[in-house]
């Protein structure tokens, strides 16, 4: 999975923002350095971690230890750890965080499920058209609108056919959104 990282230093507070396409927007702050080249050095001591998510009540794990539902504000041993955040059984965040002695690491996450929907509508509307997504048949319009739910976010190839005519269209499926696809088969 590709991601982009931006690092800014504001006084004594380091802020790292990660953007995972369509899944999470993360901000980690505190005076504990978060870059991989500068892991937390002191082990066997205690720092703390504060995990805030939107929406709340996402399950938070730190190195496999279940911390509970967000928001979390707890003491934890120092070191570099794998932070995992799950919502509705989906792993939406997996990143490394440092916890430094006597310092608080704050992680803020905006979570989005990595699925969206596409509503397929034909012109003329009363047409019964067959619809495939990435080569797999998903249903027919049956003279109305066919909504395909829980499609993985990203670019998908839709083929809409009424037996005589067909159209093949690339659609960017957006997380937690419904994209309308209007197909002219006249």
Protein backbone atom coordinates (compact mmCIF):
# COMPACT_ATOMS: atom_id res chain seq x y z
CA UNK A 1 0.00 0.00 0.00
CA UNK A 2 1.44 3.35 -1.02
CA UNK A 3 1.41 6.29 1.34
CA UNK A 4 2.64 9.82 1.51
CA UNK A 5 4.30 11.28 4.56
CA UNK A 6 4.80 14.90 5.56
CA UNK A 7 6.94 15.88 8.50
CA UNK A 8 6.90 19.31 10.15
CA UNK A 9 8.78 20.51 13.20
CA UNK A 10 6.94 23.11 15.28
CA UNK A 11 9.05 24.15 18.27
CA UNK A 12 9.48 21.05 20.42
CA UNK A 13 6.54 19.24 18.82
CA UNK A 14 7.07 16.92 15.84
CA UNK A 15 3.99 16.30 13.71
CA UNK A 16 3.90 13.50 11.13
CA UNK A 17 0.92 13.23 8.81
CA UNK A 18 0.37 10.04 6.82
CA UNK A 19 -2.23 9.72 4.13
CA UNK A 20 -3.28 6.22 3.17
CA UNK A 21 -5.45 6.38 0.03
CA UNK A 22 -9.07 6.39 1.08
CA UNK A 23 -8.46 4.75 4.40
CA UNK A 24 -7.03 6.99 7.10
CA UNK A 25 -5.58 10.40 7.75
CA UNK A 26 -3.12 10.30 10.60
CA UNK A 27 -1.42 12.84 12.74
CA UNK A 28 1.14 11.85 15.38
CA UNK A 29 2.47 14.48 17.72
CA UNK A 30 4.44 14.93 20.91
CA UNK A 31 8.09 15.55 21.66
CA UNK A 32 9.04 11.89 21.10
CA UNK A 33 10.65 11.58 17.59
CA UNK A 34 8.55 9.39 15.26
CA UNK A 35 10.90 8.78 12.35
CA UNK A 36 12.30 5.28 11.78
CA UNK A 37 15.89 6.56 11.85
CA UNK A 38 15.39 7.92 15.36
CA UNK A 39 13.57 5.20 17.38
CA UNK A 40 12.90 5.64 21.08
CA UNK A 41 16.20 4.71 22.73
CA UNK A 42 15.35 4.14 26.39
CA UNK A 43 13.75 0.76 27.09
CA UNK A 44 12.29 -0.48 30.34
CA UNK A 45 10.81 2.90 31.21
CA UNK A 46 7.32 4.32 30.90
CA UNK A 47 5.78 6.88 28.57
CA UNK A 48 2.19 7.22 27.41
CA UNK A 49 0.08 7.04 24.28
CA UNK A 50 -3.13 8.85 23.46
CA UNK A 51 -5.09 7.47 20.46
CA UNK A 52 -8.04 9.49 19.16
CA UNK A 53 -10.13 8.27 16.24
CA UNK A 54 -12.99 9.64 14.21
CA UNK A 55 -15.29 7.82 14.51
CA UNK A 56 -14.66 6.74 18.09
CA UNK A 57 -14.88 3.17 19.41
CA UNK A 58 -12.27 1.69 17.09
CA UNK A 59 -10.26 -1.19 18.59
CA UNK A 60 -6.64 -0.20 19.31
CA UNK A 61 -3.68 -2.61 19.59
CA UNK A 62 -0.08 -1.78 20.41
CA UNK A 63 2.37 -4.55 19.48
CA UNK A 64 -0.51 -7.02 19.67
CA UNK A 65 -1.60 -5.86 23.15
CA UNK A 66 -5.29 -4.94 23.10
CA UNK A 67 -5.58 -1.44 24.58
CA UNK A 68 -9.36 -1.17 24.11
CA UNK A 69 -11.75 1.10 22.26
CA UNK A 70 -10.74 4.62 21.27
CA UNK A 71 -10.27 7.17 22.66
CA UNK A 72 -7.30 5.67 24.54
CA UNK A 73 -5.00 7.50 26.97
CA UNK A 74 -2.72 5.09 28.79
CA UNK A 75 0.77 4.55 30.11
CA UNK A 76 2.90 2.09 28.13
CA UNK A 77 6.47 0.84 28.14
CA UNK A 78 8.94 2.79 26.03
CA UNK A 79 10.16 1.69 22.61
CA UNK A 80 9.08 1.42 18.99
CA UNK A 81 5.80 -0.41 18.47
CA UNK A 82 3.33 -1.46 15.82
CA UNK A 83 0.04 0.41 16.23
CA UNK A 84 -3.02 -1.30 14.74
CA UNK A 85 -6.48 0.25 14.62
CA UNK A 86 -9.51 -1.77 13.57
CA UNK A 87 -13.08 -0.65 12.90
CA UNK A 88 -15.94 -3.04 12.21
CA UNK A 89 -13.46 -5.92 11.89
CA UNK A 90 -11.36 -4.10 9.25
CA UNK A 91 -7.71 -3.27 9.86
CA UNK A 92 -7.58 0.37 8.79
CA UNK A 93 -4.29 1.49 10.31
CA UNK A 94 -0.98 -0.28 10.78
CA UNK A 95 1.95 2.00 11.50
CA UNK A 96 5.01 2.25 13.71
CA UNK A 97 5.04 4.63 16.68
CA UNK A 98 7.67 5.50 19.26
CA UNK A 99 6.91 5.94 22.96
CA UNK A 100 9.60 7.84 24.85
CA UNK A 101 10.26 7.92 28.60
CA UNK A 102 8.13 10.48 30.44
CA UNK A 103 6.52 11.72 27.22
CA UNK A 104 3.10 11.39 25.60
CA UNK A 105 2.70 10.27 21.99
CA UNK A 106 -0.60 11.48 20.54
CA UNK A 107 -2.06 9.73 17.46
CA UNK A 108 -5.15 11.18 15.77
CA UNK A 109 -6.81 9.14 13.02
CA UNK A 110 -9.75 9.86 10.74
CA UNK A 111 -10.94 6.41 9.69
CA UNK A 112 -12.81 5.42 6.56
CA UNK A 113 -13.82 1.94 5.56
CA UNK A 114 -11.97 0.96 2.35
CA UNK A 115 -15.24 0.27 0.50
CA UNK A 116 -17.69 2.30 -1.49
CA UNK A 117 -20.74 1.83 -3.70
CA UNK A 118 -21.60 2.48 -7.32
CA UNK A 119 -25.16 3.14 -8.56
CA UNK A 120 -25.49 2.10 -12.22
CA UNK A 121 -28.26 3.80 -14.21
CA UNK A 122 -28.84 3.23 -17.91
CA UNK A 123 -30.32 5.50 -20.56
CA UNK A 124 -33.00 4.51 -21.44
CA UNK A 125 -33.81 3.69 -17.81
CA UNK A 126 -36.31 0.87 -18.48
CA UNK A 127 -33.56 -1.24 -20.03
CA UNK A 128 -32.42 -4.55 -18.54
CA UNK A 129 -28.63 -4.35 -18.75
CA UNK A 130 -26.04 -6.82 -17.46
CA UNK A 131 -23.24 -5.31 -15.32
CA UNK A 132 -19.77 -6.69 -14.65
CA UNK A 133 -17.06 -5.23 -12.43
CA UNK A 134 -13.47 -6.17 -13.23
CA UNK A 135 -14.79 -9.04 -15.37
CA UNK A 136 -17.08 -10.48 -12.69
CA UNK A 137 -20.87 -10.33 -13.21
CA UNK A 138 -22.54 -8.43 -10.35
CA UNK A 139 -26.17 -8.17 -11.50
CA UNK A 140 -28.64 -6.52 -13.87
CA UNK A 141 -30.37 -3.17 -13.85
CA UNK A 142 -33.83 -4.81 -14.28
CA UNK A 143 -35.23 -1.60 -15.75
CA UNK A 144 -34.02 0.52 -12.83
CA UNK A 145 -30.90 1.43 -10.90
CA UNK A 146 -28.45 -1.27 -9.78
CA UNK A 147 -26.44 -0.31 -6.70
CA UNK A 148 -23.34 -2.39 -6.05
CA UNK A 149 -22.21 -2.11 -2.43
CA UNK A 150 -18.98 -2.95 -0.65
CA UNK A 151 -16.67 -2.45 -3.62
CA UNK A 152 -13.03 -2.05 -2.70
CA UNK A 153 -11.94 1.57 -3.11
CA UNK A 154 -9.86 2.31 -6.18
CA UNK A 155 -10.29 2.18 -9.94
CA UNK A 156 -12.68 -0.52 -11.18
CA UNK A 157 -13.66 -1.40 -14.75
CA UNK A 158 -17.42 -1.60 -15.30
CA UNK A 159 -18.94 -3.21 -18.39
CA UNK A 160 -22.63 -2.53 -19.00
CA UNK A 161 -24.33 -4.49 -21.79
CA UNK A 162 -27.89 -4.88 -23.09
CA UNK A 163 -27.04 -7.63 -25.60
CA UNK A 164 -26.80 -5.27 -28.60
CA UNK A 165 -24.58 -2.56 -27.17
CA UNK A 166 -22.04 -2.39 -24.44
CA UNK A 167 -19.94 0.23 -22.72
CA UNK A 168 -16.77 -0.27 -20.72
CA UNK A 169 -16.03 2.49 -18.20
CA UNK A 170 -13.33 2.97 -15.53
CA UNK A 171 -14.79 4.22 -12.26
CA UNK A 172 -12.92 5.52 -9.23
CA UNK A 173 -14.71 3.94 -6.24
CA UNK A 174 -14.43 6.25 -3.24
CA UNK A 175 -14.33 5.07 0.40
CA UNK A 176 -17.70 5.36 2.16
CA UNK A 177 -19.30 7.11 -0.82
CA UNK A 178 -21.73 6.17 -3.57
CA UNK A 179 -20.59 7.08 -7.07
CA UNK A 180 -23.31 7.45 -9.72
CA UNK A 181 -22.56 5.83 -13.08
CA UNK A 182 -24.87 6.94 -15.91
CA UNK A 183 -24.48 4.78 -19.02
CA UNK A 184 -26.01 5.80 -22.36
CA UNK A 185 -26.88 2.65 -24.36
CA UNK A 186 -28.99 4.37 -27.08
